[in-house]
Amino acid sequence: MYKLLHELQVCLGERSYPIVIGEGMLGKYDLSRYVCGSQVMIVTNDVVGPLYLEKARGCFPGKKVDVVVLPDGERHKDWRTLNLIFDALLEKRHTRKTTLVALGGGVVGDMTGFAAASYQRGVPFIQIPTTLLSQVDSSVGGKTGINHPLGKNMIGAFHQPEAVLIDTDTLQTLPPREVSAGLAEVIKYGLIRDIGFLGWLEQEVDQLVARDNESLAEAILRSCACKADVVAQDERESGLRATLNLGHTFGHAIETFAGYGNWLHGEAVGTGMVMAADLSEREGSISHADYDRIVRLIGRASLPVLPPENMTQADFMSLMAVDKKNLDGRLRLVLLRSVGDAVVTSDASPENLAATLAAFCRQEN
């Protein structure tokens, strides 16, 4: 039997959906109640599939389950790989009553959601995230999409899932680097919205890195609760939701510069949060002790705190210029008003931004 630990709702009126968190859920928890027709297409990749595909099939008793297996990795989050999903749906004659199921990490979830938003102008989908990062962030909130060579996640759609099933057992097969990448997004919630959670993380970070089940389940619950509350207030990122992108403008620039997949998303966000904290200190919003506290926690989570050593200030400025948060040609950044409180602003001093980049980047020739 599975062990149900927590259940919460993302409250979006008629599009509300549950997040179910537990142990041993795959293969035992019945998700067929969220499938309106008889067809299911599970989308996974060639790393997750051998581990969890057969168990995932067991979540859909009485349904016709087809499968498409994608290549693993951020570098495959593109049009070519997305078309593999459409090819499979059409070859297997899936109708507009089909339900797609994302079984994997954030890349699989984002592409499956985008395919669901697009196929026959929109079909339902379900998230079964198998990485810590996807469990605490990308599986919740309905952001879907693919990358473009000039920018990360620049092509996509908002499309909410029917349900999110989180089985914490899947975290035991993650490489340590992937666990740390997920912790970057967990730490983010404490920094932008919940200083009490941040204090808890400082006490528990060693247990989280070591994959203690009880600590992980609590971190996932509190992260999802924060994300669900923000999404309920601002589904399409017109204001509050943008604060969830703390560190992401710097981080996406790092990912694009390094080549998708060479830096994990969470690793880039970890460094991006350090850079955002540095700029927040220069803007007079947080103290140097606050900055040190942030750097110390991110380092304890085994995350990098410096960008690629060959990345220049010009590289950052060029890549940040195409960030989705920018408005009317003005660079918009998420900064800290204080530890536990974030703001989206276009008013950061250009001199302070230049000083932050100079502190973290090698000088141009």
Protein backbone atom coordinates (compact mmCIF):
# COMPACT_ATOMS: atom_id res chain seq x y z
CA MET A 1 0.00 0.00 0.00
CA TYR A 2 1.02 3.58 -0.53
CA LYS A 3 1.33 6.15 2.23
CA LEU A 4 -0.54 9.39 1.60
CA LEU A 5 1.32 12.17 3.39
CA HIS A 6 -0.28 15.41 2.22
CA GLU A 7 -2.90 16.72 -0.18
CA LEU A 8 -3.54 20.35 -1.10
CA GLN A 9 -5.45 22.27 -3.76
CA VAL A 10 -4.40 24.81 -6.33
CA CYS A 11 -7.49 27.02 -6.20
CA LEU A 12 -8.36 28.30 -9.68
CA GLY A 13 -12.15 28.01 -9.73
CA GLU A 14 -13.34 25.37 -12.17
CA ARG A 15 -9.72 24.68 -13.11
CA SER A 16 -8.65 23.86 -9.55
CA TYR A 17 -6.65 20.68 -9.08
CA PRO A 18 -5.05 18.60 -6.33
CA ILE A 19 -1.39 18.08 -5.46
CA VAL A 20 -1.06 14.65 -3.85
CA ILE A 21 2.15 13.87 -1.95
CA GLY A 22 3.04 10.45 -0.59
CA GLU A 23 5.32 7.43 -0.52
CA GLY A 24 4.90 4.42 -2.80
CA MET A 25 2.21 6.15 -4.87
CA LEU A 26 3.33 5.06 -8.33
CA GLY A 27 1.40 2.03 -9.51
CA LYS A 28 -0.96 2.13 -6.54
CA TYR A 29 -2.69 5.53 -6.58
CA ASP A 30 -5.62 5.60 -9.03
CA LEU A 31 -5.37 8.58 -11.38
CA SER A 32 -8.02 7.35 -13.79
CA ARG A 33 -10.60 9.61 -12.06
CA TYR A 34 -8.82 12.56 -13.72
CA VAL A 35 -9.05 11.04 -17.22
CA CYS A 36 -12.20 12.04 -19.10
CA GLY A 37 -11.84 9.55 -21.99
CA SER A 38 -10.39 6.11 -22.56
CA GLN A 39 -6.99 7.13 -23.97
CA VAL A 40 -3.82 8.03 -22.07
CA MET A 41 -0.44 8.95 -23.52
CA ILE A 42 2.43 8.78 -21.02
CA VAL A 43 5.38 10.97 -22.00
CA THR A 44 8.66 10.08 -20.33
CA ASN A 45 12.36 9.96 -21.19
CA ASP A 46 14.98 7.26 -21.65
CA VAL A 47 16.29 7.65 -18.07
CA VAL A 48 13.03 7.80 -16.10
CA GLY A 49 11.13 5.33 -18.28
CA PRO A 50 13.13 2.22 -17.34
CA LEU A 51 12.72 3.10 -13.65
CA TYR A 52 9.08 4.08 -13.34
CA LEU A 53 7.10 3.59 -16.55
CA GLU A 54 5.55 0.24 -15.69
CA LYS A 55 4.53 1.48 -12.25
CA ALA A 56 3.00 4.61 -13.79
CA ARG A 57 0.88 2.49 -16.12
CA GLY A 58 -0.72 1.00 -13.02
CA CYS A 59 -2.14 4.39 -12.07
CA PHE A 60 -4.62 4.19 -14.99
CA PRO A 61 -6.69 1.00 -14.59
CA GLY A 62 -9.18 0.44 -17.38
CA LYS A 63 -7.54 2.96 -19.75
CA LYS A 64 -5.72 2.37 -23.01
CA VAL A 65 -2.18 3.54 -22.24
CA ASP A 66 0.29 4.47 -24.97
CA VAL A 67 3.82 5.72 -24.40
CA VAL A 68 6.32 8.05 -26.06
CA VAL A 69 9.92 8.05 -24.80
CA LEU A 70 11.96 11.22 -25.34
CA PRO A 71 15.73 11.70 -25.12
CA ASP A 72 16.82 12.97 -21.72
CA GLY A 73 18.20 16.42 -21.07
CA GLU A 74 17.59 20.16 -21.31
CA ARG A 75 19.31 20.31 -24.69
CA HIS A 76 16.38 18.30 -26.12
CA LYS A 77 13.73 20.77 -24.93
CA ASP A 78 13.06 21.99 -28.46
CA TRP A 79 10.70 21.80 -31.44
CA ARG A 80 12.24 18.61 -32.80
CA THR A 81 11.64 16.69 -29.57
CA LEU A 82 8.20 18.25 -29.04
CA ASN A 83 7.18 16.89 -32.44
CA LEU A 84 7.91 13.35 -31.23
CA ILE A 85 4.94 13.75 -28.88
CA PHE A 86 2.66 14.97 -31.68
CA ASP A 87 3.90 12.16 -33.96
CA ALA A 88 2.98 9.55 -31.34
CA LEU A 89 -0.43 11.08 -30.66
CA LEU A 90 -1.32 11.13 -34.34
CA GLU A 91 0.12 7.70 -35.14
CA LYS A 92 -1.87 6.16 -32.26
CA ARG A 93 -4.99 8.12 -33.32
CA HIS A 94 -5.50 9.96 -30.07
CA THR A 95 -8.59 12.13 -30.06
CA ARG A 96 -9.32 15.39 -28.25
CA LYS A 97 -10.54 13.29 -25.30
CA THR A 98 -7.06 11.90 -24.69
CA THR A 99 -5.09 12.76 -21.54
CA LEU A 100 -1.33 13.29 -21.62
CA VAL A 101 0.75 12.29 -18.61
CA ALA A 102 4.17 13.80 -17.87
CA LEU A 103 6.38 11.25 -16.12
CA GLY A 104 9.77 12.81 -15.43
CA GLY A 105 11.46 16.04 -14.47
CA GLY A 106 10.86 19.62 -15.50
CA VAL A 107 11.84 19.17 -19.14
CA VAL A 108 9.34 16.34 -19.65
CA GLY A 109 6.68 18.22 -17.71
CA ASP A 110 7.13 21.47 -19.65
CA MET A 111 7.08 19.76 -23.04
CA THR A 112 4.15 17.48 -22.21
CA GLY A 113 2.14 20.44 -20.95
CA PHE A 114 2.93 22.44 -24.08
CA ALA A 115 1.95 19.49 -26.27
CA ALA A 116 -1.30 19.16 -24.31
CA ALA A 117 -2.01 22.89 -24.69
CA SER A 118 -1.48 22.60 -28.47
CA TYR A 119 -2.79 19.17 -29.54
CA GLN A 120 -6.22 19.58 -31.14
CA ARG A 121 -6.22 23.06 -29.53
CA GLY A 122 -5.95 21.73 -26.02
CA VAL A 123 -6.32 18.42 -24.17
CA PRO A 124 -5.98 17.58 -20.45
CA PHE A 125 -2.74 16.46 -18.85
CA ILE A 126 -1.48 15.12 -15.53
CA GLN A 127 1.89 15.75 -13.89
CA ILE A 128 3.88 12.93 -12.24
CA PRO A 129 7.14 14.76 -11.41
CA THR A 130 10.10 12.55 -10.49
CA THR A 131 12.78 15.14 -9.59
CA LEU A 132 12.84 17.42 -6.57
CA LEU A 133 12.95 20.52 -8.75
CA SER A 134 9.87 19.50 -10.72
CA GLN A 135 8.02 18.41 -7.58
CA VAL A 136 8.45 21.74 -5.81
CA ASP A 137 8.21 24.07 -8.79
CA SER A 138 7.68 23.29 -12.46
CA SER A 139 4.87 20.72 -12.09
CA VAL A 140 2.64 23.26 -10.31
CA GLY A 141 1.20 26.37 -11.90
CA GLY A 142 0.64 25.55 -15.56
CA LYS A 143 3.73 27.08 -17.16
CA THR A 144 4.67 24.98 -20.18
CA GLY A 145 7.07 25.47 -23.05
CA ILE A 146 10.31 24.83 -24.87
CA ASN A 147 13.64 26.61 -25.24
CA HIS A 148 14.95 28.64 -28.15
CA PRO A 149 18.69 28.96 -28.90
CA LEU A 150 18.44 32.65 -27.97
CA GLY A 151 16.52 32.21 -24.72
CA LYS A 152 15.13 29.71 -22.24
CA ASN A 153 11.39 28.98 -22.12
CA MET A 154 10.62 31.71 -24.65
CA ILE A 155 7.96 29.65 -26.48
CA GLY A 156 5.06 28.12 -24.57
CA ALA A 157 1.61 28.46 -23.04
CA PHE A 158 -0.20 28.53 -19.72
CA HIS A 159 -2.02 25.21 -19.36
CA GLN A 160 -2.98 23.87 -15.94
CA PRO A 161 -2.81 20.11 -15.20
CA GLU A 162 -5.74 18.04 -13.95
CA ALA A 163 -3.69 16.74 -11.01
CA VAL A 164 -0.13 16.49 -9.71
CA LEU A 165 1.03 13.21 -8.15
CA ILE A 166 4.28 13.41 -6.15
CA ASP A 167 5.86 10.13 -5.02
CA THR A 168 8.81 10.96 -2.78
CA ASP A 169 10.26 7.47 -3.37
CA THR A 170 11.42 8.66 -6.81
CA LEU A 171 13.92 11.00 -5.14
CA GLN A 172 15.97 8.07 -3.90
CA THR A 173 17.19 7.33 -7.45
CA LEU A 174 18.23 10.93 -8.19
CA PRO A 175 21.91 11.79 -8.57
CA PRO A 176 23.09 14.08 -5.73
CA ARG A 177 23.52 16.94 -8.20
CA GLU A 178 19.81 16.77 -9.09
CA VAL A 179 18.82 16.86 -5.42
CA SER A 180 20.86 20.02 -4.91
CA ALA A 181 19.34 21.57 -8.03
CA GLY A 182 15.89 21.04 -6.56
CA LEU A 183 16.92 22.60 -3.28
CA ALA A 184 17.63 25.88 -5.09
CA GLU A 185 13.92 26.27 -5.80
CA VAL A 186 13.04 25.23 -2.23
CA ILE A 187 15.37 27.88 -0.81
CA LYS A 188 13.82 30.43 -3.17
CA TYR A 189 10.43 30.14 -1.43
CA GLY A 190 11.97 31.00 1.92
CA LEU A 191 13.82 33.98 0.47
CA ILE A 192 10.85 35.53 -1.32
CA ARG A 193 7.91 34.74 0.93
CA ASP A 194 8.45 32.77 4.14
CA ILE A 195 11.28 33.69 6.49
CA GLY A 196 10.11 31.02 8.95
CA PHE A 197 10.56 28.40 6.24
CA LEU A 198 14.02 29.81 5.53
CA GLY A 199 14.97 29.29 9.18
CA TRP A 200 13.65 25.72 9.01
CA LEU A 201 15.76 25.11 5.89
CA GLU A 202 18.88 26.33 7.66
CA GLN A 203 18.25 23.68 10.33
CA GLU A 204 17.31 20.90 7.89
CA VAL A 205 19.50 21.47 4.84
CA ASP A 206 21.96 18.70 5.73
CA GLN A 207 19.09 16.21 6.13
CA LEU A 208 17.63 17.37 2.82
CA VAL A 209 20.92 16.87 0.99
CA ALA A 210 21.08 13.40 2.58
CA ARG A 211 17.52 12.71 1.32
CA ASP A 212 15.82 12.20 4.65
CA ASN A 213 12.24 11.27 3.68
CA GLU A 214 10.50 13.18 6.46
CA SER A 215 12.44 16.38 5.77
CA LEU A 216 11.91 16.08 2.02
CA ALA A 217 8.15 15.58 2.37
CA GLU A 218 7.89 18.67 4.60
CA ALA A 219 10.01 20.75 2.20
CA ILE A 220 7.88 19.64 -0.77
CA LEU A 221 4.63 20.41 1.07
CA ARG A 222 5.69 23.88 2.14
CA SER A 223 7.11 24.70 -1.29
CA CYS A 224 3.98 23.52 -3.10
CA ALA A 225 1.74 25.38 -0.66
CA CYS A 226 3.66 28.59 -1.37
CA LYS A 227 3.54 28.06 -5.13
CA ALA A 228 -0.17 27.17 -5.05
CA ASP A 229 -1.02 30.31 -3.06
CA VAL A 230 0.89 32.55 -5.47
CA VAL A 231 -0.61 30.91 -8.58
CA ALA A 232 -4.13 31.22 -7.15
CA GLN A 233 -3.60 34.97 -6.79
CA ASP A 234 -1.76 35.57 -10.08
CA GLU A 235 -2.12 32.70 -12.54
CA ARG A 236 -0.62 34.41 -15.58
CA GLU A 237 2.25 36.26 -13.96
CA SER A 238 0.90 39.80 -14.17
CA GLY A 239 2.51 40.77 -10.86
CA LEU A 240 3.00 38.67 -7.72
CA ARG A 241 3.86 35.44 -9.55
CA ALA A 242 6.89 37.04 -11.14
CA THR A 243 8.56 37.10 -7.70
CA LEU A 244 8.87 33.31 -8.04
CA ASN A 245 11.62 34.10 -10.55
CA LEU A 246 14.15 35.27 -7.97
CA GLY A 247 17.56 34.50 -9.46
CA HIS A 248 16.07 33.33 -12.74
CA THR A 249 17.04 36.28 -14.94
CA PHE A 250 20.71 35.80 -14.04
CA GLY A 251 20.22 32.02 -14.00
CA HIS A 252 18.62 31.74 -17.43
CA ALA A 253 21.49 33.79 -18.86
CA ILE A 254 23.94 31.31 -17.33
CA GLU A 255 22.04 28.31 -18.76
CA THR A 256 21.89 29.81 -22.24
CA PHE A 257 25.56 30.85 -22.19
CA ALA A 258 26.79 27.46 -20.91
CA GLY A 259 24.64 25.50 -23.37
CA TYR A 260 21.39 23.92 -22.21
CA GLY A 261 22.03 21.01 -19.88
CA ASN A 262 25.65 21.80 -18.97
CA TRP A 263 24.41 23.70 -15.94
CA LEU A 264 21.27 22.27 -14.34
CA HIS A 265 18.46 24.78 -14.00
CA GLY A 266 18.65 24.73 -10.20
CA GLU A 267 22.41 25.24 -10.24
CA ALA A 268 22.01 28.33 -12.41
CA VAL A 269 19.19 29.62 -10.21
CA GLY A 270 21.33 29.09 -7.10
CA THR A 271 24.06 31.31 -8.53
CA GLY A 272 21.43 33.71 -9.84
CA MET A 273 19.97 34.13 -6.35
CA VAL A 274 23.42 34.94 -4.97
CA MET A 275 23.83 37.60 -7.67
CA ALA A 276 20.34 38.97 -6.98
CA ALA A 277 21.19 39.12 -3.27
CA ASP A 278 24.41 40.99 -4.07
CA LEU A 279 22.47 43.54 -6.12
CA SER A 280 19.83 43.80 -3.38
CA GLU A 281 22.59 44.65 -0.90
CA ARG A 282 24.00 47.29 -3.25
CA GLU A 283 20.50 48.75 -3.56
CA GLY A 284 20.38 49.07 0.23
CA SER A 285 17.55 46.57 0.77
CA ILE A 286 19.42 43.87 2.69
CA SER A 287 22.51 43.91 4.90
CA HIS A 288 25.84 42.27 4.22
CA ALA A 289 25.00 39.81 7.01
CA ASP A 290 21.81 38.90 5.10
CA TYR A 291 23.86 38.38 1.94
CA ASP A 292 26.32 36.14 3.79
CA ARG A 293 23.41 34.16 5.24
CA ILE A 294 22.03 33.52 1.75
CA VAL A 295 25.40 32.53 0.28
CA ARG A 296 26.06 30.19 3.20
CA LEU A 297 22.73 28.35 2.81
CA ILE A 298 23.07 27.99 -0.97
CA GLY A 299 26.61 26.67 -0.52
CA ARG A 300 25.46 24.17 2.13
CA ALA A 301 22.97 22.85 -0.42
CA SER A 302 25.98 21.99 -2.63
CA LEU A 303 25.05 24.61 -5.20
CA PRO A 304 27.49 26.84 -7.11
CA VAL A 305 27.66 30.47 -6.05
CA LEU A 306 29.68 31.79 -9.01
CA PRO A 307 28.80 31.83 -12.74
CA PRO A 308 30.97 30.18 -15.41
CA GLU A 309 34.43 31.70 -15.11
CA ASN A 310 34.56 32.64 -18.79
CA MET A 311 31.24 34.51 -18.72
CA THR A 312 31.58 38.27 -19.10
CA GLN A 313 29.43 41.24 -18.13
CA ALA A 314 28.57 41.71 -21.81
CA ASP A 315 27.42 38.09 -22.02
CA PHE A 316 25.06 38.63 -19.10
CA MET A 317 23.64 41.90 -20.42
CA SER A 318 23.06 40.50 -23.90
CA LEU A 319 21.30 37.37 -22.65
CA MET A 320 19.28 39.10 -19.94
CA ALA A 321 17.95 41.53 -22.56
CA VAL A 322 15.68 38.78 -23.97
CA ASP A 323 14.24 37.74 -20.58
CA LYS A 324 10.43 37.31 -20.58
CA LYS A 325 9.97 39.65 -17.60
CA ASN A 326 11.38 42.64 -19.49
CA LEU A 327 8.84 45.32 -20.36
CA ASP A 328 9.09 48.04 -23.01
CA GLY A 329 12.81 47.43 -23.40
CA ARG A 330 13.51 47.83 -19.67
CA LEU A 331 15.30 45.11 -17.72
CA ARG A 332 13.07 43.80 -14.93
CA LEU A 333 14.67 41.93 -12.04
CA VAL A 334 13.39 40.16 -8.97
CA LEU A 335 15.23 41.54 -5.94
CA LEU A 336 14.84 41.28 -2.19
CA ARG A 337 13.18 44.09 -0.25
CA SER A 338 14.24 42.10 2.80
CA VAL A 339 14.96 38.45 3.53
CA GLY A 340 11.56 36.81 3.10
CA ASP A 341 10.11 39.54 0.84
CA ALA A 342 10.75 39.99 -2.89
CA VAL A 343 9.78 42.58 -5.48
CA VAL A 344 9.86 42.84 -9.27
CA THR A 345 11.51 46.08 -10.30
CA SER A 346 12.79 47.96 -13.32
CA ASP A 347 14.38 50.60 -11.10
CA ALA A 348 17.64 48.94 -10.07
CA SER A 349 20.52 51.35 -10.51
CA PRO A 350 22.47 50.59 -13.71
CA GLU A 351 25.64 51.41 -11.77
CA ASN A 352 24.77 48.87 -9.07
CA LEU A 353 23.90 46.22 -11.67
CA ALA A 354 27.23 46.85 -13.39
CA ALA A 355 29.01 46.57 -10.03
CA THR A 356 27.32 43.23 -9.32
CA LEU A 357 28.29 41.86 -12.72
CA ALA A 358 31.84 43.14 -12.28
CA ALA A 359 32.07 41.38 -8.91
CA PHE A 360 31.04 38.01 -10.41
CA CYS A 361 32.42 38.09 -13.96
CA ARG A 362 35.81 38.18 -15.56
CA GLN A 363 36.66 41.47 -17.20
CA GLU A 364 36.25 41.86 -20.95
CA ASN A 365 39.42 42.04 -22.99
